[in-house]
ModelCIF file with pLDDT and N, C-alpha, C, O atoms, coordinates in Angstrom:
data_MODEL
#
_entry.id   MODEL 
#
_entity.id                         1 
_entity.type                       polymer 
_entity.pdbx_number_of_molecules   1 
#
_entity_poly.entity_id                      1 
_entity_poly.type                           'polypeptide(L)' 
_entity_poly.nstd_linkage                   no 
_entity_poly.nstd_monomer                   no 
_entity_poly.pdbx_seq_one_letter_code       AAPSILRRSRARRGGKRVRFAQVTVYYFARRQG 
_entity_poly.pdbx_seq_one_letter_code_can   AAPSILRRSRARRGGKRVRFAQVTVYYFARRQG 
_entity_poly.pdbx_strand_id                 A 
#
loop_
_entity_poly_seq.entity_id 
_entity_poly_seq.num 
_entity_poly_seq.mon_id 
_entity_poly_seq.hetero 
1 1  ALA n 
1 2  ALA n 
1 3  PRO n 
1 4  SER n 
1 5  ILE n 
1 6  LEU n 
1 7  ARG n 
1 8  ARG n 
1 9  SER n 
1 10 ARG n 
1 11 ALA n 
1 12 ARG n 
1 13 ARG n 
1 14 GLY n 
1 15 GLY n 
1 16 LYS n 
1 17 ARG n 
1 18 VAL n 
1 19 ARG n 
1 20 PHE n 
1 21 ALA n 
1 22 GLN n 
1 23 VAL n 
1 24 THR n 
1 25 VAL n 
1 26 TYR n 
1 27 TYR n 
1 28 PHE n 
1 29 ALA n 
1 30 ARG n 
1 31 ARG n 
1 32 GLN n 
1 33 GLY n 
#
_struct_asym.id          A 
_struct_asym.entity_id   1 
#
loop_
_ma_qa_metric.id 
_ma_qa_metric.mode 
_ma_qa_metric.name 
_ma_qa_metric.software_group_id 
_ma_qa_metric.type 
1 global pLDDT . pLDDT 
2 local  pLDDT . pLDDT 
#
_ma_qa_metric_global.metric_id      1 
_ma_qa_metric_global.metric_value   76.52 
_ma_qa_metric_global.model_id       1 
_ma_qa_metric_global.ordinal_id     1 
#
loop_
_ma_qa_metric_local.label_asym_id 
_ma_qa_metric_local.label_comp_id 
_ma_qa_metric_local.label_seq_id 
_ma_qa_metric_local.metric_id 
_ma_qa_metric_local.metric_value 
_ma_qa_metric_local.model_id 
_ma_qa_metric_local.ordinal_id 
A ALA 1  2 67.00 1 1  
A ALA 2  2 67.00 1 2  
A PRO 3  2 67.00 1 3  
A SER 4  2 65.00 1 4  
A ILE 5  2 63.00 1 5  
A LEU 6  2 63.00 1 6  
A ARG 7  2 60.00 1 7  
A ARG 8  2 56.00 1 8  
A SER 9  2 56.00 1 9  
A ARG 10 2 52.00 1 10 
A ALA 11 2 52.00 1 11 
A ARG 12 2 55.00 1 12 
A ARG 13 2 55.00 1 13 
A GLY 14 2 58.00 1 14 
A GLY 15 2 67.00 1 15 
A LYS 16 2 79.00 1 16 
A ARG 17 2 85.00 1 17 
A VAL 18 2 87.00 1 18 
A ARG 19 2 86.00 1 19 
A PHE 20 2 86.00 1 20 
A ALA 21 2 89.00 1 21 
A GLN 22 2 93.00 1 22 
A VAL 23 2 94.00 1 23 
A THR 24 2 96.00 1 24 
A VAL 25 2 95.00 1 25 
A TYR 26 2 96.00 1 26 
A TYR 27 2 94.00 1 27 
A PHE 28 2 94.00 1 28 
A ALA 29 2 92.00 1 29 
A ARG 30 2 91.00 1 30 
A ARG 31 2 91.00 1 31 
A GLN 32 2 90.00 1 32 
A GLY 33 2 84.00 1 33 
#
loop_
_atom_site.group_PDB 
_atom_site.id 
_atom_site.type_symbol 
_atom_site.label_atom_id 
_atom_site.label_alt_id 
_atom_site.label_comp_id 
_atom_site.label_asym_id 
_atom_site.label_entity_id 
_atom_site.label_seq_id 
_atom_site.pdbx_PDB_ins_code 
_atom_site.Cartn_x 
_atom_site.Cartn_y 
_atom_site.Cartn_z 
_atom_site.occupancy 
_atom_site.B_iso_or_equiv 
_atom_site.pdbx_formal_charge 
_atom_site.auth_seq_id 
_atom_site.auth_comp_id 
_atom_site.auth_asym_id 
_atom_site.auth_atom_id 
_atom_site.pdbx_PDB_model_num 
ATOM 1   N N  . ALA A 1 1  ? 35.894 48.994  442.870 1.00 67.00 ? 1  ALA A N  1 
ATOM 2   C CA . ALA A 1 1  ? 35.800 50.274  442.857 1.00 67.00 ? 1  ALA A CA 1 
ATOM 3   C C  . ALA A 1 1  ? 34.820 50.896  443.137 1.00 67.00 ? 1  ALA A C  1 
ATOM 4   O O  . ALA A 1 1  ? 33.782 50.251  442.991 1.00 67.00 ? 1  ALA A O  1 
ATOM 5   N N  . ALA A 1 2  ? 34.702 51.937  443.497 1.00 67.00 ? 2  ALA A N  1 
ATOM 6   C CA . ALA A 1 2  ? 32.726 52.935  443.490 1.00 67.00 ? 2  ALA A CA 1 
ATOM 7   C C  . ALA A 1 2  ? 33.000 53.315  442.099 1.00 67.00 ? 2  ALA A C  1 
ATOM 8   O O  . ALA A 1 2  ? 34.079 53.578  441.566 1.00 67.00 ? 2  ALA A O  1 
ATOM 9   N N  . PRO A 1 3  ? 31.619 53.289  441.537 1.00 67.00 ? 3  PRO A N  1 
ATOM 10  C CA . PRO A 1 3  ? 31.318 54.079  440.073 1.00 67.00 ? 3  PRO A CA 1 
ATOM 11  C C  . PRO A 1 3  ? 31.929 55.224  440.180 1.00 67.00 ? 3  PRO A C  1 
ATOM 12  O O  . PRO A 1 3  ? 31.892 55.699  441.316 1.00 67.00 ? 3  PRO A O  1 
ATOM 13  N N  . SER A 1 4  ? 32.493 55.847  439.369 1.00 65.00 ? 4  SER A N  1 
ATOM 14  C CA . SER A 1 4  ? 32.435 57.292  438.873 1.00 65.00 ? 4  SER A CA 1 
ATOM 15  C C  . SER A 1 4  ? 31.429 57.979  439.026 1.00 65.00 ? 4  SER A C  1 
ATOM 16  O O  . SER A 1 4  ? 30.328 57.557  438.674 1.00 65.00 ? 4  SER A O  1 
ATOM 17  N N  . ILE A 1 5  ? 31.619 59.324  439.647 1.00 63.00 ? 5  ILE A N  1 
ATOM 18  C CA . ILE A 1 5  ? 30.322 60.093  439.649 1.00 63.00 ? 5  ILE A CA 1 
ATOM 19  C C  . ILE A 1 5  ? 30.427 60.861  438.352 1.00 63.00 ? 5  ILE A C  1 
ATOM 20  O O  . ILE A 1 5  ? 29.336 61.248  437.934 1.00 63.00 ? 5  ILE A O  1 
ATOM 21  N N  . LEU A 1 6  ? 31.148 61.077  437.845 1.00 63.00 ? 6  LEU A N  1 
ATOM 22  C CA . LEU A 1 6  ? 30.825 61.851  436.072 1.00 63.00 ? 6  LEU A CA 1 
ATOM 23  C C  . LEU A 1 6  ? 30.488 60.613  435.309 1.00 63.00 ? 6  LEU A C  1 
ATOM 24  O O  . LEU A 1 6  ? 30.059 60.791  434.169 1.00 63.00 ? 6  LEU A O  1 
ATOM 25  N N  . ARG A 1 7  ? 30.632 59.173  435.821 1.00 60.00 ? 7  ARG A N  1 
ATOM 26  C CA . ARG A 1 7  ? 30.110 58.564  434.325 1.00 60.00 ? 7  ARG A CA 1 
ATOM 27  C C  . ARG A 1 7  ? 28.359 58.449  434.907 1.00 60.00 ? 7  ARG A C  1 
ATOM 28  O O  . ARG A 1 7  ? 27.358 58.349  434.198 1.00 60.00 ? 7  ARG A O  1 
ATOM 29  N N  . ARG A 1 8  ? 28.421 58.494  436.123 1.00 56.00 ? 8  ARG A N  1 
ATOM 30  C CA . ARG A 1 8  ? 26.556 58.738  436.607 1.00 56.00 ? 8  ARG A CA 1 
ATOM 31  C C  . ARG A 1 8  ? 26.276 60.079  436.153 1.00 56.00 ? 8  ARG A C  1 
ATOM 32  O O  . ARG A 1 8  ? 25.239 60.058  435.490 1.00 56.00 ? 8  ARG A O  1 
ATOM 33  N N  . SER A 1 9  ? 26.746 61.181  436.231 1.00 56.00 ? 9  SER A N  1 
ATOM 34  C CA . SER A 1 9  ? 25.974 62.264  435.959 1.00 56.00 ? 9  SER A CA 1 
ATOM 35  C C  . SER A 1 9  ? 25.844 62.562  434.036 1.00 56.00 ? 9  SER A C  1 
ATOM 36  O O  . SER A 1 9  ? 25.174 63.474  433.552 1.00 56.00 ? 9  SER A O  1 
ATOM 37  N N  . ARG A 1 10 ? 26.509 61.733  433.366 1.00 52.00 ? 10 ARG A N  1 
ATOM 38  C CA . ARG A 1 10 ? 26.631 61.642  431.939 1.00 52.00 ? 10 ARG A CA 1 
ATOM 39  C C  . ARG A 1 10 ? 25.608 60.673  431.667 1.00 52.00 ? 10 ARG A C  1 
ATOM 40  O O  . ARG A 1 10 ? 24.908 60.713  430.655 1.00 52.00 ? 10 ARG A O  1 
ATOM 41  N N  . ALA A 1 11 ? 25.533 59.956  432.406 1.00 52.00 ? 11 ALA A N  1 
ATOM 42  C CA . ALA A 1 11 ? 24.226 59.110  431.901 1.00 52.00 ? 11 ALA A CA 1 
ATOM 43  C C  . ALA A 1 11 ? 22.813 59.270  432.581 1.00 52.00 ? 11 ALA A C  1 
ATOM 44  O O  . ALA A 1 11 ? 21.979 58.392  432.360 1.00 52.00 ? 11 ALA A O  1 
ATOM 45  N N  . ARG A 1 12 ? 22.464 60.419  433.457 1.00 55.00 ? 12 ARG A N  1 
ATOM 46  C CA . ARG A 1 12 ? 21.889 61.110  434.289 1.00 55.00 ? 12 ARG A CA 1 
ATOM 47  C C  . ARG A 1 12 ? 20.982 62.235  433.310 1.00 55.00 ? 12 ARG A C  1 
ATOM 48  O O  . ARG A 1 12 ? 19.759 62.375  433.312 1.00 55.00 ? 12 ARG A O  1 
ATOM 49  N N  . ARG A 1 13 ? 22.008 62.983  432.477 1.00 55.00 ? 13 ARG A N  1 
ATOM 50  C CA . ARG A 1 13 ? 21.946 63.881  431.432 1.00 55.00 ? 13 ARG A CA 1 
ATOM 51  C C  . ARG A 1 13 ? 21.083 63.434  429.835 1.00 55.00 ? 13 ARG A C  1 
ATOM 52  O O  . ARG A 1 13 ? 20.217 63.902  429.095 1.00 55.00 ? 13 ARG A O  1 
ATOM 53  N N  . GLY A 1 14 ? 22.013 62.191  429.930 1.00 58.00 ? 14 GLY A N  1 
ATOM 54  C CA . GLY A 1 14 ? 21.353 61.717  428.961 1.00 58.00 ? 14 GLY A CA 1 
ATOM 55  C C  . GLY A 1 14 ? 19.950 61.814  428.418 1.00 58.00 ? 14 GLY A C  1 
ATOM 56  O O  . GLY A 1 14 ? 19.642 62.158  427.277 1.00 58.00 ? 14 GLY A O  1 
ATOM 57  N N  . GLY A 1 15 ? 18.870 61.343  429.732 1.00 67.00 ? 15 GLY A N  1 
ATOM 58  C CA . GLY A 1 15 ? 17.796 61.416  429.622 1.00 67.00 ? 15 GLY A CA 1 
ATOM 59  C C  . GLY A 1 15 ? 16.865 62.277  429.535 1.00 67.00 ? 15 GLY A C  1 
ATOM 60  O O  . GLY A 1 15 ? 15.920 62.111  428.764 1.00 67.00 ? 15 GLY A O  1 
ATOM 61  N N  . LYS A 1 16 ? 17.017 63.602  430.509 1.00 79.00 ? 16 LYS A N  1 
ATOM 62  C CA . LYS A 1 16 ? 16.433 64.565  430.772 1.00 79.00 ? 16 LYS A CA 1 
ATOM 63  C C  . LYS A 1 16 ? 16.990 65.660  429.804 1.00 79.00 ? 16 LYS A C  1 
ATOM 64  O O  . LYS A 1 16 ? 18.043 66.295  429.739 1.00 79.00 ? 16 LYS A O  1 
ATOM 65  N N  . ARG A 1 17 ? 15.675 65.602  428.986 1.00 85.00 ? 17 ARG A N  1 
ATOM 66  C CA . ARG A 1 17 ? 15.955 67.162  428.242 1.00 85.00 ? 17 ARG A CA 1 
ATOM 67  C C  . ARG A 1 17 ? 14.300 67.666  428.057 1.00 85.00 ? 17 ARG A C  1 
ATOM 68  O O  . ARG A 1 17 ? 13.270 67.043  428.313 1.00 85.00 ? 17 ARG A O  1 
ATOM 69  N N  . VAL A 1 18 ? 14.472 68.898  427.565 1.00 87.00 ? 18 VAL A N  1 
ATOM 70  C CA . VAL A 1 18 ? 13.450 69.754  427.503 1.00 87.00 ? 18 VAL A CA 1 
ATOM 71  C C  . VAL A 1 18 ? 13.261 69.863  425.881 1.00 87.00 ? 18 VAL A C  1 
ATOM 72  O O  . VAL A 1 18 ? 14.060 70.528  425.222 1.00 87.00 ? 18 VAL A O  1 
ATOM 73  N N  . ARG A 1 19 ? 12.149 69.169  425.262 1.00 86.00 ? 19 ARG A N  1 
ATOM 74  C CA . ARG A 1 19 ? 11.887 69.166  424.467 1.00 86.00 ? 19 ARG A CA 1 
ATOM 75  C C  . ARG A 1 19 ? 10.311 70.091  423.989 1.00 86.00 ? 19 ARG A C  1 
ATOM 76  O O  . ARG A 1 19 ? 9.435  70.253  424.839 1.00 86.00 ? 19 ARG A O  1 
ATOM 77  N N  . PHE A 1 20 ? 10.177 70.522  422.829 1.00 86.00 ? 20 PHE A N  1 
ATOM 78  C CA . PHE A 1 20 ? 9.029  71.446  422.663 1.00 86.00 ? 20 PHE A CA 1 
ATOM 79  C C  . PHE A 1 20 ? 8.327  71.193  421.130 1.00 86.00 ? 20 PHE A C  1 
ATOM 80  O O  . PHE A 1 20 ? 8.777  71.306  419.989 1.00 86.00 ? 20 PHE A O  1 
ATOM 81  N N  . ALA A 1 21 ? 7.081  70.818  421.642 1.00 89.00 ? 21 ALA A N  1 
ATOM 82  C CA . ALA A 1 21 ? 5.910  69.707  420.590 1.00 89.00 ? 21 ALA A CA 1 
ATOM 83  C C  . ALA A 1 21 ? 5.680  71.655  419.161 1.00 89.00 ? 21 ALA A C  1 
ATOM 84  O O  . ALA A 1 21 ? 5.798  71.844  417.950 1.00 89.00 ? 21 ALA A O  1 
ATOM 85  N N  . GLN A 1 22 ? 5.334  72.536  420.381 1.00 93.00 ? 22 GLN A N  1 
ATOM 86  C CA . GLN A 1 22 ? 4.111  73.494  419.486 1.00 93.00 ? 22 GLN A CA 1 
ATOM 87  C C  . GLN A 1 22 ? 4.813  74.730  420.056 1.00 93.00 ? 22 GLN A C  1 
ATOM 88  O O  . GLN A 1 22 ? 5.604  74.954  420.972 1.00 93.00 ? 22 GLN A O  1 
ATOM 89  N N  . VAL A 1 23 ? 4.091  75.532  418.982 1.00 94.00 ? 23 VAL A N  1 
ATOM 90  C CA . VAL A 1 23 ? 3.960  77.281  419.496 1.00 94.00 ? 23 VAL A CA 1 
ATOM 91  C C  . VAL A 1 23 ? 3.396  77.765  419.543 1.00 94.00 ? 23 VAL A C  1 
ATOM 92  O O  . VAL A 1 23 ? 2.717  77.825  418.518 1.00 94.00 ? 23 VAL A O  1 
ATOM 93  N N  . THR A 1 24 ? 3.056  78.484  420.458 1.00 96.00 ? 24 THR A N  1 
ATOM 94  C CA . THR A 1 24 ? 1.429  79.319  420.280 1.00 96.00 ? 24 THR A CA 1 
ATOM 95  C C  . THR A 1 24 ? 1.834  80.513  420.149 1.00 96.00 ? 24 THR A C  1 
ATOM 96  O O  . THR A 1 24 ? 2.853  80.808  420.774 1.00 96.00 ? 24 THR A O  1 
ATOM 97  N N  . VAL A 1 25 ? 1.208  81.510  419.348 1.00 95.00 ? 25 VAL A N  1 
ATOM 98  C CA . VAL A 1 25 ? 1.731  82.810  419.121 1.00 95.00 ? 25 VAL A CA 1 
ATOM 99  C C  . VAL A 1 25 ? 0.066  83.638  419.856 1.00 95.00 ? 25 VAL A C  1 
ATOM 100 O O  . VAL A 1 25 ? -1.041 83.108  419.951 1.00 95.00 ? 25 VAL A O  1 
ATOM 101 N N  . TYR A 1 26 ? 0.383  84.705  420.161 1.00 96.00 ? 26 TYR A N  1 
ATOM 102 C CA . TYR A 1 26 ? -0.721 85.703  420.975 1.00 96.00 ? 26 TYR A CA 1 
ATOM 103 C C  . TYR A 1 26 ? -0.548 87.088  419.450 1.00 96.00 ? 26 TYR A C  1 
ATOM 104 O O  . TYR A 1 26 ? 0.326  87.684  418.820 1.00 96.00 ? 26 TYR A O  1 
ATOM 105 N N  . TYR A 1 27 ? -1.673 86.997  419.514 1.00 94.00 ? 27 TYR A N  1 
ATOM 106 C CA . TYR A 1 27 ? -2.038 88.379  418.643 1.00 94.00 ? 27 TYR A CA 1 
ATOM 107 C C  . TYR A 1 27 ? -2.557 89.724  419.682 1.00 94.00 ? 27 TYR A C  1 
ATOM 108 O O  . TYR A 1 27 ? -3.393 89.751  420.585 1.00 94.00 ? 27 TYR A O  1 
ATOM 109 N N  . PHE A 1 28 ? -1.747 90.692  419.164 1.00 94.00 ? 28 PHE A N  1 
ATOM 110 C CA . PHE A 1 28 ? -2.355 92.250  420.057 1.00 94.00 ? 28 PHE A CA 1 
ATOM 111 C C  . PHE A 1 28 ? -2.914 93.126  418.930 1.00 94.00 ? 28 PHE A C  1 
ATOM 112 O O  . PHE A 1 28 ? -2.607 92.981  417.747 1.00 94.00 ? 28 PHE A O  1 
ATOM 113 N N  . ALA A 1 29 ? -3.669 93.946  419.353 1.00 92.00 ? 29 ALA A N  1 
ATOM 114 C CA . ALA A 1 29 ? -3.531 94.981  418.541 1.00 92.00 ? 29 ALA A CA 1 
ATOM 115 C C  . ALA A 1 29 ? -2.541 96.074  419.111 1.00 92.00 ? 29 ALA A C  1 
ATOM 116 O O  . ALA A 1 29 ? -1.921 96.302  420.150 1.00 92.00 ? 29 ALA A O  1 
ATOM 117 N N  . ARG A 1 30 ? -2.785 96.763  417.534 1.00 91.00 ? 30 ARG A N  1 
ATOM 118 C CA . ARG A 1 30 ? -1.588 98.318  417.812 1.00 91.00 ? 30 ARG A CA 1 
ATOM 119 C C  . ARG A 1 30 ? -2.247 98.999  418.522 1.00 91.00 ? 30 ARG A C  1 
ATOM 120 O O  . ARG A 1 30 ? -3.477 99.003  418.568 1.00 91.00 ? 30 ARG A O  1 
ATOM 121 N N  . ARG A 1 31 ? -1.369 99.779  419.276 1.00 91.00 ? 31 ARG A N  1 
ATOM 122 C CA . ARG A 1 31 ? -1.653 100.712 420.366 1.00 91.00 ? 31 ARG A CA 1 
ATOM 123 C C  . ARG A 1 31 ? -0.356 101.914 419.889 1.00 91.00 ? 31 ARG A C  1 
ATOM 124 O O  . ARG A 1 31 ? 0.700  101.749 419.278 1.00 91.00 ? 31 ARG A O  1 
ATOM 125 N N  . GLN A 1 32 ? -0.966 103.077 420.448 1.00 90.00 ? 32 GLN A N  1 
ATOM 126 C CA . GLN A 1 32 ? 0.419  103.631 421.009 1.00 90.00 ? 32 GLN A CA 1 
ATOM 127 C C  . GLN A 1 32 ? 0.768  103.510 422.236 1.00 90.00 ? 32 GLN A C  1 
ATOM 128 O O  . GLN A 1 32 ? -0.050 103.303 423.132 1.00 90.00 ? 32 GLN A O  1 
ATOM 129 N N  . GLY A 1 33 ? 2.311  103.651 422.463 1.00 84.00 ? 33 GLY A N  1 
ATOM 130 C CA . GLY A 1 33 ? 3.092  103.287 422.938 1.00 84.00 ? 33 GLY A CA 1 
ATOM 131 C C  . GLY A 1 33 ? 2.746  103.668 424.579 1.00 84.00 ? 33 GLY A C  1 
ATOM 132 O O  . GLY A 1 33 ? 3.537  103.348 425.467 1.00 84.00 ? 33 GLY A O  1 
#
């Protein structure tokens, strides 16, 4: 039997994730809007 399409997509999903390591905060001077 041909391998299931569903099994392949689940396997692919597990390895590709977005992970964030840090946050960059920008500071702006206040002005009248």
